[in-house]
Amino acid sequence: MCQWEPQTVQRGARRFTLDRSSTTLSVPEAGRRLGVGRCKSYELARLGLLPVLRLGKKLRVPVVALDQMMRDAYQPASLGRSASEGED
């Protein structure tokens, strides 16, 4: 089994430790996985477009739900034209 070392990331004056063993992510961490910023992440959560759990005042994003959301949204590009395309 491959072992993964936790990684420390410096972002301005803040330090984050990324640990793949976590079952949930903060909203900004989930946003980084999606390639969006902190404000957009919270906006997506507010609109219900990002799966979140509310634990008291904290919002957490389940990794499993985020991965499933990305799998469901993934649509590979067609490698060729279908037979119905181009027919009139």
Foldseek 3Di string as FASTA:
>chain_A
DDDDDWDWDDDPPDIDTDDPVDQKAAQQVLCVVVPHHDVVSVVCVVVVNADWDCDPPGTIGGPVVSVVSVVVPDDDDDPDDDPPPPDD
